[in-house]
Structure formats: C-alpha cells, structure tokens
Amino acid sequence: MKSAIAALAFAALLLPAQDQPAGGALAGARLRVIVSTDAGGTDPDDLQSLVHLLLYADVLEIEGLISSPYGPGRREHILHVVDHYEKDFSRLRAHSPAYPEPAALRALTFQGATDDPGPSGTGSPTEGSRRIVEQARRADPRPLYVLVWGGLEDVAQALHDAPEILPKLRVFFIGGPNKMWSVNAYDYIHTRHPRLWMIEANSTYRGWFVGGNQQGEWSNRGFAPAHGAGRGALGDYFASLLGGSLKMGDSPSVGYLLRGTPGDPMQVSWGGRFVRLWHNRKTVFTRLTTERDQAEAFGVVEFVLPAPGGATARIVFDGRIPAEGAREGGILRFRFSPRDAKVWPYVMESSHPALHGQTGRFTAVHPSPQKTRRHDAARPNWWIDDQHPDAAEGIHPGAKHVSRWREQFLGDFAARLGRCQAP
C-alpha cells in the first residue's frame, strides 16, 4: 500500500503542468550569479547557453563570466558573444533598464584554469578563482550562485585558497562529461569540502534537449529558425550555432534560477528537481579489471596499482580519456569518472615495460534504489539526479524533471529573443 501511494505521489509531479513553477528570478528574486564556462572549447553548446544567459541579464545579477575550458576555449569566446549583445543592447534596454552595459560585462569576464591541475585537484590561483573569492567575500547577505558549465578547477581553487567562503557559495554543476574531464577537482571538493552546497546534475540537464514537446517550433531543429533567425544579432548568432539545432545543455542551471525555489533543490524548477546525495559513490580497484567488475556511472573510479620503482604511467579510457598516475610510495593512483552506463575499456601507457600495454575493462552501472535511499550525512547540502525510473527520459535519469517544462522555458526564451528584433 505504501509503495502504491508513493508511486501516485511521484506520478503527480510529472503530470502536465497548468502553471509555471513558482518563484525564482522571473518572480522578482534578485540572485547573484557567476558563470564558469568552457565556451569555445570542446562543447559548443555553451555559446548557445551564453546567449540565453545574457537575454536574462536584467533579472539576474551577473557578477562574473569565467572561461574555464577543457580544450581551446578562452575568455575571447565569451567576449565574442558580448559583442553580439552590444549590437542588440539599445533594443534590450528599451524593454528593461536593468540590462547591464556591454562594457560592464566585459569588465567582469575573466580567464580561469586552462589545464588539469593533476591528482591534487588544485594548482595556482587564476583570474577566475580570484573573482569567485572576491565576490564571495563581499558584504552582501545573499548567497552567490556559481553555475559551472565546464570544469570545476576554479571553484576548487577558490575553496582551497579561501575556505571561509564555503557558506556563501551555491554551486550548480553541469556534470556528466564535464565531470569526466574535471574528476580531480571534483574529488578534491567532494573530499575536502563535504559541506559545500552543490547540485550535481550529471544527466538531468539533458531534459533541455531530450524529451518534452519535440514538434514543430518546439523541436530541436525547429526552434532556432522559428525564434532565433531574424531576431537581432543574438538571434542570428544563436541560429548559426550547431547547424541551427538547439542543445543549450548548460541552460538548465540558468532555468533553475529563473523559475522555481533556488534555495531548495528538491522543489520543481525549470532546471530540474534533485534528491539528496547517497553514500559510497567511489569505487577503488587494486588490480586490473574485467567487464564483470562494476562501478557507479557518474561516480569516481580509482585504480590503485603497484608500480615498479621510478615508473610513470597513465591509463587511457575508451581510447581518448587519459588519467595520469600519481605516485604514492610504491603505488600509482589513477582517477576517472565514467560518463555513461556502459563497458569502459582501457589501456596503460608506461615508461616501464611491465606496465606498458596492459589492458582491462569495467562496467559502469546506475545505482540501485536501495543505495540511493542511504543519504550521505557527511554531505547534507549536496543534491544529485533523481534515479526514480519515472523521472528518466530514456537512459537519462532525472531528465523528465526538466523536459516537462519544455514549452514554458522555450516559450519564455523565444519572447526574450523577440526583444532583439528590429521594429
């Protein structure tokens, strides 16, 4: 009986909504925001999400734009989007005097970390990490939301250099592939700063472009020509990206602030609905593995292997993702985060012939319901994707908590694009 009642209660959350989620910046909340993005790097949909962000710059208090890529993205790629914003600025200002001057946006755009700091997860301060510290230390009682669309390196560095800022931060991390490339910084935060307020969206974010109403103007292929092209410089630029197809995979972090209850990740919002983090998401192997060995998808996997004296090595997963070995006495430690539930092959590259060329495999799986019910008491302010089957879009846990609002958040974005259109 209890399970039937719980199923009905959960299903009610996924019924077609009659109204928008209550609250958020569109309801008048003034929220402080820093965005850390890998725009211009290996993930071009960040450029779409920057267009989205800037069109809501009148209701969000943007205090920093940080370039923190894996790959070639740099500060100049953010400034390129601001150039388009400047062309539309007079029309945007006609709708709201709260839109910031283009020069003000350029002044708060900074370069963040461009390299993996290695197994420690931290390295040297950057312009980006210093900006996070500076703004978190401001005498402002409001929390500082840090939306991470790329690597966590600048957040990790800020916490390393100024741990006293932790209570002020509210981090929304678009994880998944980003976590895979940023696993060392993630592990540092998870281990050293367990009380951080953190939303870790490894798959929920996919509801922005998977599921929901995919017909006509609301489809990924139909939205940009219907609502972007011809709507000023930002609209034309948006329509030119990704061959005119909508992705915007980082925009759920913005949507979370726009409509919902930002202080409570367990409430519905345009950016998703999340659950408390559970125990034991790290798997440690002390040997090479086979596909019968399992680890949690989106968790952290460590290989702790004996190493001949002086040997250096790295493990390359899936033929493309390297994990450098960190020497700890007579062992080497390798760290990786699997971004998909599948079999992950790997090969070792080493200066020592006894290690070089060794291979293995392991299988990443989604956690069992029994595991996800065991909340991690050491991390009381950490939330993650809802694993309930009814919240999934296909293979993506939690994504239906975003896709159910597709017409609402895309409709509102379309109206914002319309602000850029010439009379």
Protein backbone atom coordinates (compact mmCIF):
# COMPACT_ATOMS: atom_id res chain seq x y z
CA MET A 1 0.00 0.00 0.00
CA LYS A 2 2.77 2.43 0.92
CA SER A 3 4.58 1.76 -2.36
CA ALA A 4 1.38 2.40 -4.34
CA ILE A 5 0.80 5.73 -2.56
CA ALA A 6 4.41 6.73 -3.19
CA ALA A 7 4.07 5.88 -6.89
CA LEU A 8 0.91 8.02 -7.18
CA ALA A 9 2.59 10.92 -5.39
CA PHE A 10 5.58 10.72 -7.71
CA ALA A 11 3.39 10.49 -10.80
CA ALA A 12 1.63 13.68 -9.72
CA LEU A 13 4.92 15.54 -10.03
CA LEU A 14 5.14 14.53 -13.69
CA LEU A 15 1.59 15.40 -14.78
CA PRO A 16 1.31 18.18 -17.38
CA ALA A 17 1.68 21.43 -15.50
CA GLN A 18 -1.07 24.07 -15.58
CA ASP A 19 1.22 26.79 -14.25
CA GLN A 20 4.86 27.73 -14.12
CA PRO A 21 6.92 26.71 -11.09
CA ALA A 22 6.60 29.43 -8.50
CA GLY A 23 9.42 31.75 -7.51
CA GLY A 24 12.83 32.47 -8.95
CA ALA A 25 14.35 35.46 -10.71
CA LEU A 26 11.37 35.91 -13.03
CA ALA A 27 9.21 36.30 -9.94
CA GLY A 28 11.39 39.15 -8.68
CA ALA A 29 14.17 37.42 -6.72
CA ARG A 30 17.49 39.23 -7.20
CA LEU A 31 20.07 36.46 -7.42
CA ARG A 32 23.84 36.91 -7.57
CA VAL A 33 25.42 34.78 -10.31
CA ILE A 34 28.87 33.81 -11.56
CA VAL A 35 29.10 31.55 -14.61
CA SER A 36 32.14 29.35 -15.31
CA THR A 37 32.03 28.07 -18.88
CA ASP A 38 34.10 26.15 -21.42
CA ALA A 39 32.55 28.18 -24.25
CA GLY A 40 34.59 27.95 -27.42
CA GLY A 41 36.24 24.74 -26.28
CA THR A 42 35.13 21.17 -26.92
CA ASP A 43 31.46 21.85 -26.11
CA PRO A 44 29.98 24.48 -28.50
CA ASP A 45 26.52 24.45 -26.94
CA ASP A 46 27.91 26.72 -24.19
CA LEU A 47 27.75 29.55 -26.74
CA GLN A 48 24.00 28.96 -27.08
CA SER A 49 23.67 29.00 -23.31
CA LEU A 50 25.57 32.30 -23.13
CA VAL A 51 23.04 33.86 -25.49
CA HIS A 52 20.30 32.52 -23.21
CA LEU A 53 22.03 33.87 -20.10
CA LEU A 54 22.59 37.38 -21.49
CA LEU A 55 18.96 37.74 -22.51
CA TYR A 56 18.08 37.31 -18.82
CA ALA A 57 20.80 39.67 -17.59
CA ASP A 58 18.11 42.12 -16.49
CA VAL A 59 16.73 39.74 -13.86
CA LEU A 60 19.99 38.06 -12.80
CA GLU A 61 22.81 39.97 -11.11
CA ILE A 62 25.77 38.70 -13.15
CA GLU A 63 28.99 39.17 -11.15
CA GLY A 64 31.42 37.14 -13.21
CA LEU A 65 31.87 35.27 -16.50
CA ILE A 66 34.82 32.87 -16.28
CA SER A 67 36.40 30.91 -19.11
CA SER A 68 37.38 27.54 -17.62
CA PRO A 69 37.70 25.14 -20.52
CA TYR A 70 38.86 21.68 -21.21
CA GLY A 71 40.49 22.34 -24.57
CA PRO A 72 40.85 25.53 -26.64
CA GLY A 73 38.09 27.81 -25.27
CA ARG A 74 39.25 31.15 -23.87
CA ARG A 75 37.95 34.44 -22.48
CA GLU A 76 37.77 35.84 -26.01
CA HIS A 77 34.96 33.41 -26.87
CA ILE A 78 32.79 34.88 -24.10
CA LEU A 79 33.62 38.40 -25.29
CA HIS A 80 32.55 37.41 -28.81
CA VAL A 81 29.04 36.70 -27.50
CA VAL A 82 29.07 40.01 -25.62
CA ASP A 83 29.86 41.71 -28.96
CA HIS A 84 26.55 40.39 -30.31
CA TYR A 85 24.80 41.52 -27.13
CA GLU A 86 26.17 45.02 -27.69
CA LYS A 87 24.57 45.18 -31.14
CA ASP A 88 21.18 44.45 -29.57
CA PHE A 89 21.74 46.46 -26.41
CA SER A 90 19.61 49.51 -27.28
CA ARG A 91 16.60 47.30 -28.07
CA LEU A 92 17.10 45.27 -24.90
CA ARG A 93 17.37 48.45 -22.83
CA ALA A 94 14.06 49.61 -24.31
CA HIS A 95 12.48 46.56 -22.63
CA SER A 96 14.33 46.89 -19.32
CA PRO A 97 16.77 49.48 -17.97
CA ALA A 98 18.30 46.73 -15.82
CA TYR A 99 20.25 45.21 -18.71
CA PRO A 100 23.97 45.81 -17.91
CA GLU A 101 26.16 47.88 -20.20
CA PRO A 102 28.30 45.77 -22.57
CA ALA A 103 31.42 47.39 -21.11
CA ALA A 104 30.35 46.23 -17.64
CA LEU A 105 30.03 42.63 -18.88
CA ARG A 106 33.46 42.79 -20.49
CA ALA A 107 34.95 44.10 -17.24
CA LEU A 108 33.66 41.10 -15.30
CA THR A 109 34.87 38.49 -17.82
CA PHE A 110 37.95 36.57 -16.66
CA GLN A 111 40.25 33.77 -17.72
CA GLY A 112 40.10 30.72 -15.50
CA ALA A 113 42.01 27.46 -15.38
CA THR A 114 43.10 26.02 -18.72
CA ASP A 115 44.82 22.84 -17.51
CA ASP A 116 44.05 19.92 -15.23
CA PRO A 117 46.00 20.61 -12.02
CA GLY A 118 46.67 16.91 -11.62
CA PRO A 119 45.68 14.42 -8.92
CA SER A 120 45.68 17.02 -6.13
CA GLY A 121 42.75 18.81 -7.80
CA THR A 122 44.20 22.28 -7.19
CA GLY A 123 47.11 24.29 -8.53
CA SER A 124 47.69 28.04 -8.74
CA PRO A 125 45.13 30.85 -8.43
CA THR A 126 43.62 32.17 -11.67
CA GLU A 127 41.75 35.35 -12.55
CA GLY A 128 38.59 33.24 -12.35
CA SER A 129 39.26 31.69 -8.95
CA ARG A 130 40.20 35.10 -7.56
CA ARG A 131 36.93 36.55 -8.86
CA ILE A 132 34.94 33.85 -7.05
CA VAL A 133 36.80 34.59 -3.81
CA GLU A 134 36.42 38.35 -4.22
CA GLN A 135 32.67 38.24 -4.83
CA ALA A 136 32.04 35.64 -2.11
CA ARG A 137 33.79 37.91 0.39
CA ARG A 138 31.60 40.89 -0.50
CA ALA A 139 29.48 42.27 2.32
CA ASP A 140 26.25 41.01 0.79
CA PRO A 141 23.94 38.73 2.79
CA ARG A 142 22.69 36.94 -0.31
CA PRO A 143 24.28 33.65 -1.43
CA LEU A 144 26.46 33.60 -4.53
CA TYR A 145 25.30 31.11 -7.18
CA VAL A 146 28.19 29.70 -9.22
CA LEU A 147 26.96 27.95 -12.36
CA VAL A 148 29.64 25.59 -13.64
CA TRP A 149 29.29 24.66 -17.32
CA GLY A 150 32.81 23.30 -17.75
CA GLY A 151 35.50 22.27 -15.30
CA LEU A 152 35.38 22.67 -11.52
CA GLU A 153 39.01 23.75 -11.28
CA ASP A 154 38.32 27.41 -10.48
CA VAL A 155 35.77 26.53 -7.80
CA ALA A 156 38.19 24.03 -6.27
CA GLN A 157 40.99 26.60 -6.32
CA ALA A 158 38.79 29.27 -4.74
CA LEU A 159 37.84 26.90 -1.90
CA HIS A 160 41.48 25.88 -1.46
CA ASP A 161 42.66 29.48 -1.24
CA ALA A 162 39.76 30.84 0.83
CA PRO A 163 37.86 28.01 2.56
CA GLU A 164 35.92 30.55 4.64
CA ILE A 165 33.81 31.43 1.55
CA LEU A 166 32.16 27.99 1.52
CA PRO A 167 28.94 29.02 3.35
CA LYS A 168 28.31 31.77 0.79
CA LEU A 169 28.54 29.54 -2.31
CA ARG A 170 25.70 27.76 -4.10
CA VAL A 171 27.23 25.64 -6.88
CA PHE A 172 25.18 24.19 -9.76
CA PHE A 173 27.49 21.83 -11.66
CA ILE A 174 26.55 20.51 -15.09
CA GLY A 175 28.48 17.28 -14.62
CA GLY A 176 28.42 14.18 -16.82
CA PRO A 177 31.12 14.74 -19.48
CA ASN A 178 32.44 17.79 -17.61
CA LYS A 179 32.94 15.68 -14.50
CA MET A 180 34.83 13.12 -16.56
CA TRP A 181 37.36 15.76 -17.62
CA SER A 182 37.37 17.50 -14.22
CA VAL A 183 37.42 14.48 -11.91
CA ASN A 184 40.45 15.59 -9.89
CA ALA A 185 38.94 18.96 -8.98
CA TYR A 186 35.65 17.20 -8.24
CA ASP A 187 37.35 14.68 -5.95
CA TYR A 188 39.14 17.48 -4.11
CA ILE A 189 35.86 19.30 -3.41
CA HIS A 190 33.98 16.12 -2.51
CA THR A 191 36.73 15.01 -0.12
CA ARG A 192 37.94 18.29 1.39
CA HIS A 193 34.77 20.41 1.38
CA PRO A 194 31.90 17.99 2.03
CA ARG A 195 29.56 20.66 3.42
CA LEU A 196 29.52 22.68 0.20
CA TRP A 197 26.06 23.49 -1.19
CA MET A 198 26.18 21.66 -4.51
CA ILE A 199 23.79 20.47 -7.20
CA GLU A 200 25.50 17.81 -9.30
CA ALA A 201 23.45 17.42 -12.50
CA ASN A 202 25.04 14.55 -14.41
CA SER A 203 22.02 13.69 -16.57
CA THR A 204 19.03 15.83 -15.52
CA TYR A 205 20.31 18.66 -17.73
CA ARG A 206 19.64 16.55 -20.83
CA GLY A 207 15.93 17.28 -20.41
CA TRP A 208 16.60 20.68 -22.00
CA PHE A 209 17.08 18.99 -25.39
CA VAL A 210 15.74 15.44 -24.90
CA GLY A 211 12.02 14.71 -24.41
CA GLY A 212 9.11 17.06 -23.94
CA ASN A 213 7.26 18.55 -26.91
CA GLN A 214 9.55 17.99 -29.89
CA GLN A 215 7.03 19.05 -32.54
CA GLY A 216 7.36 21.94 -34.99
CA GLU A 217 8.67 25.17 -33.49
CA TRP A 218 9.50 23.39 -30.21
CA SER A 219 11.72 20.75 -31.81
CA ASN A 220 15.49 20.95 -31.59
CA ARG A 221 15.63 21.57 -35.34
CA GLY A 222 12.61 23.85 -35.49
CA PHE A 223 13.24 26.29 -32.64
CA ALA A 224 16.21 28.28 -34.00
CA PRO A 225 14.73 29.09 -37.43
CA ALA A 226 11.34 29.86 -35.87
CA HIS A 227 12.50 32.02 -32.96
CA GLY A 228 16.20 32.82 -33.46
CA ALA A 229 16.85 33.77 -37.08
CA GLY A 230 15.98 37.40 -37.76
CA ARG A 231 15.79 38.32 -34.06
CA GLY A 232 18.70 40.71 -33.90
CA ALA A 233 22.39 39.89 -33.67
CA LEU A 234 21.94 37.45 -30.78
CA GLY A 235 19.11 35.62 -32.52
CA ASP A 236 21.03 35.26 -35.78
CA TYR A 237 24.11 34.14 -33.88
CA PHE A 238 22.11 31.58 -31.91
CA ALA A 239 20.59 30.20 -35.13
CA SER A 240 24.06 29.86 -36.68
CA LEU A 241 25.38 27.59 -33.93
CA LEU A 242 25.40 23.78 -34.10
CA GLY A 243 23.94 23.87 -37.60
CA GLY A 244 20.81 25.60 -36.32
CA SER A 245 19.96 22.80 -33.89
CA LEU A 246 19.08 23.60 -30.27
CA LYS A 247 21.07 21.95 -27.50
CA MET A 248 21.80 24.50 -24.72
CA GLY A 249 22.91 21.76 -22.36
CA ASP A 250 24.10 24.19 -19.68
CA SER A 251 20.96 26.35 -19.67
CA PRO A 252 19.16 24.24 -17.04
CA SER A 253 21.40 25.88 -14.44
CA VAL A 254 20.02 29.26 -15.52
CA GLY A 255 16.49 27.89 -15.74
CA TYR A 256 16.84 26.67 -12.17
CA LEU A 257 17.30 30.28 -11.05
CA LEU A 258 14.61 31.71 -13.31
CA ARG A 259 11.63 29.60 -12.22
CA GLY A 260 11.48 27.55 -9.04
CA THR A 261 12.73 27.70 -5.49
CA PRO A 262 16.52 28.16 -5.81
CA GLY A 263 17.11 27.58 -2.10
CA ASP A 264 15.54 24.11 -2.23
CA PRO A 265 16.76 21.73 -4.99
CA MET A 266 14.07 19.20 -4.08
CA GLN A 267 11.34 21.50 -5.41
CA VAL A 268 10.29 21.64 -9.06
CA SER A 269 12.02 24.19 -11.28
CA TRP A 270 12.86 24.77 -14.93
CA GLY A 271 16.32 23.38 -14.15
CA GLY A 272 15.13 20.14 -12.58
CA ARG A 273 14.27 18.56 -9.28
CA PHE A 274 17.01 16.78 -7.33
CA VAL A 275 17.48 14.32 -4.48
CA ARG A 276 19.99 14.08 -1.65
CA LEU A 277 23.38 12.57 -2.43
CA TRP A 278 23.86 8.96 -1.37
CA HIS A 279 26.80 7.09 0.21
CA ASN A 280 29.80 5.43 -1.37
CA ARG A 281 29.97 6.77 -4.93
CA LYS A 282 33.67 5.98 -5.24
CA THR A 283 34.90 2.55 -6.34
CA VAL A 284 38.54 1.58 -5.74
CA PHE A 285 40.16 -1.27 -7.69
CA THR A 286 43.56 -2.65 -6.59
CA ARG A 287 44.04 -4.72 -9.74
CA LEU A 288 43.25 -4.61 -13.42
CA THR A 289 39.60 -5.44 -14.04
CA THR A 290 37.25 -7.18 -16.43
CA GLU A 291 33.78 -6.18 -17.53
CA ARG A 292 32.38 -8.27 -14.68
CA ASP A 293 33.70 -5.58 -12.33
CA GLN A 294 31.19 -2.80 -11.73
CA ALA A 295 31.36 0.84 -10.69
CA GLU A 296 28.76 3.59 -10.49
CA ALA A 297 28.05 5.62 -13.62
CA PHE A 298 28.95 9.28 -12.92
CA GLY A 299 30.78 8.18 -9.77
CA VAL A 300 34.54 8.21 -9.19
CA VAL A 301 36.68 5.17 -10.04
CA GLU A 302 40.22 4.82 -8.72
CA PHE A 303 42.81 2.25 -9.75
CA VAL A 304 45.47 1.79 -7.06
CA LEU A 305 48.17 -0.39 -8.60
CA PRO A 306 51.67 -1.48 -7.54
CA ALA A 307 54.37 0.25 -9.56
CA PRO A 308 57.99 -0.73 -10.17
CA GLY A 309 60.47 1.77 -8.80
CA GLY A 310 60.53 5.03 -10.72
CA ALA A 311 57.80 4.01 -13.19
CA THR A 312 55.45 6.60 -14.59
CA ALA A 313 52.18 5.66 -16.24
CA ARG A 314 48.78 6.77 -17.35
CA ILE A 315 45.61 4.88 -18.17
CA VAL A 316 43.70 5.85 -21.31
CA PHE A 317 39.98 5.06 -21.03
CA ASP A 318 37.84 4.43 -24.10
CA GLY A 319 40.79 5.28 -26.32
CA ARG A 320 40.61 9.01 -25.57
CA ILE A 321 40.40 10.00 -21.88
CA PRO A 322 43.77 9.93 -20.07
CA ALA A 323 44.21 9.53 -16.31
CA GLU A 324 47.72 10.34 -15.13
CA GLY A 325 49.10 8.13 -12.37
CA ALA A 326 50.03 9.80 -9.10
CA ARG A 327 52.84 8.09 -7.21
CA GLU A 328 52.21 7.35 -3.54
CA GLY A 329 55.12 5.34 -2.26
CA GLY A 330 55.14 2.05 -4.13
CA ILE A 331 51.81 2.53 -5.87
CA LEU A 332 50.28 4.60 -8.66
CA ARG A 333 46.77 6.01 -8.26
CA PHE A 334 44.60 6.73 -11.33
CA ARG A 335 41.26 8.55 -11.14
CA PHE A 336 38.38 8.52 -13.63
CA SER A 337 34.64 9.27 -13.78
CA PRO A 338 32.55 7.23 -16.26
CA ARG A 339 30.04 9.49 -18.01
CA ASP A 340 27.80 6.66 -19.31
CA ALA A 341 26.43 3.36 -18.11
CA LYS A 342 28.39 1.01 -20.38
CA VAL A 343 31.53 -1.11 -20.61
CA TRP A 344 34.67 1.05 -20.41
CA PRO A 345 37.86 -0.43 -21.93
CA TYR A 346 41.26 0.96 -21.02
CA VAL A 347 44.95 0.55 -21.79
CA MET A 348 48.01 1.53 -19.75
CA GLU A 349 50.85 3.59 -21.20
CA SER A 350 54.02 3.49 -19.12
CA SER A 351 57.76 4.08 -19.05
CA HIS A 352 58.10 0.56 -17.61
CA PRO A 353 57.69 -2.45 -19.93
CA ALA A 354 55.96 -4.49 -17.22
CA LEU A 355 53.12 -1.95 -17.17
CA HIS A 356 53.03 -0.66 -20.72
CA GLY A 357 50.27 -2.09 -22.87
CA GLN A 358 48.30 -3.76 -20.08
CA THR A 359 44.55 -3.62 -20.71
CA GLY A 360 41.30 -4.07 -18.88
CA ARG A 361 37.61 -3.22 -18.81
CA PHE A 362 34.94 -2.41 -16.26
CA THR A 363 31.20 -1.83 -16.43
CA ALA A 364 29.57 1.39 -15.24
CA VAL A 365 26.01 0.92 -13.97
CA HIS A 366 23.35 3.14 -12.47
CA PRO A 367 22.96 2.70 -8.70
CA SER A 368 20.30 0.50 -7.17
CA PRO A 369 17.26 2.06 -5.43
CA GLN A 370 18.50 0.61 -2.13
CA LYS A 371 21.75 2.54 -2.45
CA THR A 372 20.14 5.87 -3.34
CA ARG A 373 17.93 5.75 -0.25
CA ARG A 374 21.01 5.94 2.01
CA HIS A 375 21.68 9.67 2.27
CA ASP A 376 25.24 10.84 2.79
CA ALA A 377 25.05 12.54 6.19
CA ALA A 378 28.56 13.97 5.76
CA ARG A 379 27.30 15.97 2.73
CA PRO A 380 23.98 17.41 3.88
CA ASN A 381 23.91 20.15 1.21
CA TRP A 382 24.69 18.05 -1.87
CA TRP A 383 21.99 17.06 -4.39
CA ILE A 384 22.05 14.88 -7.48
CA ASP A 385 19.88 13.38 -10.25
CA ASP A 386 16.65 11.65 -9.26
CA GLN A 387 17.08 7.93 -10.04
CA HIS A 388 13.36 7.07 -9.97
CA PRO A 389 12.51 5.34 -13.30
CA ASP A 390 9.52 7.64 -13.88
CA ALA A 391 11.83 10.68 -13.85
CA ALA A 392 14.03 9.39 -16.69
CA GLU A 393 13.95 10.38 -20.34
CA GLY A 394 15.08 7.13 -21.94
CA ILE A 395 18.51 6.36 -20.49
CA HIS A 396 18.90 9.76 -18.77
CA PRO A 397 17.95 9.74 -15.06
CA GLY A 398 16.11 12.81 -13.83
CA ALA A 399 15.80 14.44 -17.26
CA LYS A 400 11.99 14.43 -17.23
CA HIS A 401 12.11 16.92 -14.35
CA VAL A 402 13.34 19.41 -16.97
CA SER A 403 11.69 18.25 -20.19
CA ARG A 404 8.19 18.55 -18.69
CA TRP A 405 8.64 22.35 -18.78
CA ARG A 406 9.94 22.50 -22.37
CA GLU A 407 7.19 24.66 -23.86
CA GLN A 408 7.32 27.03 -20.89
CA PHE A 409 11.08 27.67 -20.81
CA LEU A 410 11.47 27.72 -24.59
CA GLY A 411 8.42 29.95 -24.93
CA ASP A 412 9.89 32.42 -22.48
CA PHE A 413 13.26 32.28 -24.24
CA ALA A 414 11.54 32.90 -27.58
CA ALA A 415 9.94 36.04 -26.13
CA ARG A 416 13.36 37.19 -24.94
CA LEU A 417 14.82 36.65 -28.42
CA GLY A 418 11.95 38.74 -29.73
CA ARG A 419 13.27 41.69 -27.71
CA CYS A 420 16.24 41.83 -30.10
CA GLN A 421 14.11 42.09 -33.22
CA ALA A 422 14.02 45.38 -35.11
CA PRO A 423 10.61 47.07 -35.12
